[in-house]
Amino acid sequence: MKRFLKRFWKETEGQDLVEYALIVAVIALGLIAAVRAVAAALVSLYESISAALALTQ
């Protein structure tokens, strides 16, 4: 059992996959934040255009 635990602790076969998954997760969170910011800006733009059009009618 002791030998198994030592071998398990030193094993690094799945390490790359975990690192790539963490990188993808960080990129995804950044993209979500960016999309939310762009969406808020677009909503503000459309509201100002709509208000300007309402004043001209």
N, C-alpha and C. Protein backbone atom coordinates (compact mmCIF):
# COMPACT_ATOMS: atom_id res chain seq x y z
N MET A 1 0.83 -1.19 0.00
CA MET A 1 0.00 0.00 0.00
C MET A 1 0.88 1.26 0.00
N LYS A 2 1.95 1.21 0.78
CA LYS A 2 2.86 2.34 0.87
C LYS A 2 3.49 2.62 -0.50
N ARG A 3 3.86 1.58 -1.21
CA ARG A 3 4.47 1.72 -2.53
C ARG A 3 3.46 2.32 -3.52
N PHE A 4 2.21 1.87 -3.42
CA PHE A 4 1.17 2.40 -4.28
C PHE A 4 0.97 3.90 -4.06
N LEU A 5 0.94 4.32 -2.80
CA LEU A 5 0.76 5.73 -2.49
C LEU A 5 1.93 6.58 -2.98
N LYS A 6 3.15 6.07 -2.85
CA LYS A 6 4.31 6.80 -3.36
C LYS A 6 4.23 6.96 -4.87
N ARG A 7 3.87 5.89 -5.55
CA ARG A 7 3.76 5.92 -7.01
C ARG A 7 2.63 6.87 -7.44
N PHE A 8 1.52 6.83 -6.73
CA PHE A 8 0.38 7.69 -7.04
C PHE A 8 0.75 9.16 -6.86
N TRP A 9 1.51 9.47 -5.80
CA TRP A 9 1.89 10.85 -5.50
C TRP A 9 2.83 11.41 -6.56
N LYS A 10 3.72 10.57 -7.10
CA LYS A 10 4.70 11.04 -8.07
C LYS A 10 4.20 10.97 -9.51
N GLU A 11 3.06 10.38 -9.75
CA GLU A 11 2.54 10.22 -11.10
C GLU A 11 2.10 11.57 -11.66
N THR A 12 2.48 11.86 -12.91
CA THR A 12 2.17 13.16 -13.52
C THR A 12 1.49 13.02 -14.88
N GLU A 13 0.87 11.90 -15.14
CA GLU A 13 0.28 11.68 -16.47
C GLU A 13 -0.89 12.63 -16.77
N GLY A 14 -1.73 12.93 -15.81
CA GLY A 14 -2.88 13.77 -16.07
C GLY A 14 -2.65 15.24 -15.79
N GLN A 15 -1.44 15.61 -15.47
CA GLN A 15 -1.13 16.98 -15.08
C GLN A 15 -1.36 17.97 -16.22
N ASP A 16 -0.97 17.63 -17.42
CA ASP A 16 -1.14 18.53 -18.56
C ASP A 16 -2.61 18.82 -18.83
N LEU A 17 -3.44 17.81 -18.74
CA LEU A 17 -4.86 17.98 -18.99
C LEU A 17 -5.48 18.93 -17.97
N VAL A 18 -5.09 18.83 -16.73
CA VAL A 18 -5.61 19.71 -15.69
C VAL A 18 -5.15 21.15 -15.96
N GLU A 19 -3.92 21.33 -16.34
CA GLU A 19 -3.42 22.67 -16.63
C GLU A 19 -4.16 23.29 -17.81
N TYR A 20 -4.38 22.53 -18.86
CA TYR A 20 -5.11 23.05 -20.01
C TYR A 20 -6.55 23.38 -19.62
N ALA A 21 -7.16 22.57 -18.79
CA ALA A 21 -8.53 22.83 -18.36
C ALA A 21 -8.60 24.12 -17.55
N LEU A 22 -7.62 24.37 -16.71
CA LEU A 22 -7.59 25.62 -15.94
C LEU A 22 -7.40 26.83 -16.85
N ILE A 23 -6.56 26.70 -17.84
CA ILE A 23 -6.35 27.81 -18.79
C ILE A 23 -7.63 28.09 -19.56
N VAL A 24 -8.31 27.05 -20.01
CA VAL A 24 -9.57 27.23 -20.74
C VAL A 24 -10.62 27.87 -19.84
N ALA A 25 -10.66 27.48 -18.58
CA ALA A 25 -11.63 28.06 -17.65
C ALA A 25 -11.36 29.55 -17.43
N VAL A 26 -10.11 29.94 -17.29
CA VAL A 26 -9.77 31.35 -17.10
C VAL A 26 -10.13 32.15 -18.35
N ILE A 27 -9.84 31.62 -19.52
CA ILE A 27 -10.18 32.30 -20.77
C ILE A 27 -11.69 32.45 -20.90
N ALA A 28 -12.42 31.40 -20.55
CA ALA A 28 -13.89 31.45 -20.63
C ALA A 28 -14.45 32.51 -19.69
N LEU A 29 -13.92 32.61 -18.48
CA LEU A 29 -14.39 33.64 -17.55
C LEU A 29 -14.10 35.04 -18.08
N GLY A 30 -12.93 35.21 -18.68
CA GLY A 30 -12.60 36.50 -19.28
C GLY A 30 -13.53 36.86 -20.43
N LEU A 31 -13.85 35.88 -21.26
CA LEU A 31 -14.76 36.13 -22.37
C LEU A 31 -16.17 36.47 -21.88
N ILE A 32 -16.61 35.79 -20.84
CA ILE A 32 -17.93 36.09 -20.27
C ILE A 32 -17.98 37.52 -19.76
N ALA A 33 -16.94 37.94 -19.08
CA ALA A 33 -16.89 39.32 -18.58
C ALA A 33 -16.88 40.32 -19.73
N ALA A 34 -16.13 40.03 -20.77
CA ALA A 34 -16.06 40.93 -21.92
C ALA A 34 -17.40 41.02 -22.65
N VAL A 35 -18.05 39.89 -22.82
CA VAL A 35 -19.35 39.89 -23.51
C VAL A 35 -20.39 40.65 -22.69
N ARG A 36 -20.35 40.51 -21.38
CA ARG A 36 -21.30 41.27 -20.54
C ARG A 36 -21.05 42.77 -20.67
N ALA A 37 -19.80 43.19 -20.72
CA ALA A 37 -19.48 44.61 -20.85
C ALA A 37 -19.94 45.14 -22.21
N VAL A 38 -19.71 44.38 -23.26
CA VAL A 38 -20.14 44.80 -24.59
C VAL A 38 -21.66 44.84 -24.66
N ALA A 39 -22.33 43.88 -24.06
CA ALA A 39 -23.79 43.86 -24.06
C ALA A 39 -24.35 45.08 -23.35
N ALA A 40 -23.77 45.45 -22.23
CA ALA A 40 -24.24 46.64 -21.50
C ALA A 40 -24.02 47.90 -22.33
N ALA A 41 -22.90 47.98 -23.02
CA ALA A 41 -22.64 49.14 -23.87
C ALA A 41 -23.62 49.21 -25.04
N LEU A 42 -23.94 48.06 -25.63
CA LEU A 42 -24.89 48.04 -26.74
C LEU A 42 -26.29 48.42 -26.28
N VAL A 43 -26.71 47.96 -25.13
CA VAL A 43 -28.01 48.32 -24.60
C VAL A 43 -28.08 49.82 -24.37
N SER A 44 -27.04 50.39 -23.83
CA SER A 44 -26.99 51.83 -23.60
C SER A 44 -27.06 52.58 -24.93
N LEU A 45 -26.34 52.12 -25.93
CA LEU A 45 -26.34 52.76 -27.25
C LEU A 45 -27.73 52.71 -27.87
N TYR A 46 -28.36 51.54 -27.85
CA TYR A 46 -29.69 51.41 -28.44
C TYR A 46 -30.72 52.25 -27.69
N GLU A 47 -30.60 52.35 -26.38
CA GLU A 47 -31.53 53.18 -25.61
C GLU A 47 -31.37 54.65 -25.97
N SER A 48 -30.14 55.10 -26.15
CA SER A 48 -29.94 56.51 -26.52
C SER A 48 -30.44 56.78 -27.93
N ILE A 49 -30.25 55.84 -28.84
CA ILE A 49 -30.77 56.01 -30.20
C ILE A 49 -32.29 56.02 -30.18
N SER A 50 -32.87 55.14 -29.41
CA SER A 50 -34.33 55.08 -29.31
C SER A 50 -34.89 56.37 -28.71
N ALA A 51 -34.24 56.90 -27.71
CA ALA A 51 -34.70 58.15 -27.08
C ALA A 51 -34.58 59.30 -28.07
N ALA A 52 -33.52 59.34 -28.85
CA ALA A 52 -33.33 60.41 -29.83
C ALA A 52 -34.37 60.31 -30.93
N LEU A 53 -34.71 59.12 -31.35
CA LEU A 53 -35.74 58.94 -32.38
C LEU A 53 -37.11 59.31 -31.85
N ALA A 54 -37.37 59.02 -30.57
CA ALA A 54 -38.66 59.36 -29.98
C ALA A 54 -38.85 60.86 -29.90
N LEU A 55 -37.77 61.60 -29.70
CA LEU A 55 -37.86 63.06 -29.62
C LEU A 55 -38.13 63.69 -30.99
N THR A 56 -37.72 63.04 -32.07
CA THR A 56 -37.88 63.63 -33.39
C THR A 56 -39.27 63.39 -33.96
N GLN A 57 -40.05 62.51 -33.37
CA GLN A 57 -41.38 62.21 -33.91
C GLN A 57 -42.42 63.07 -33.34
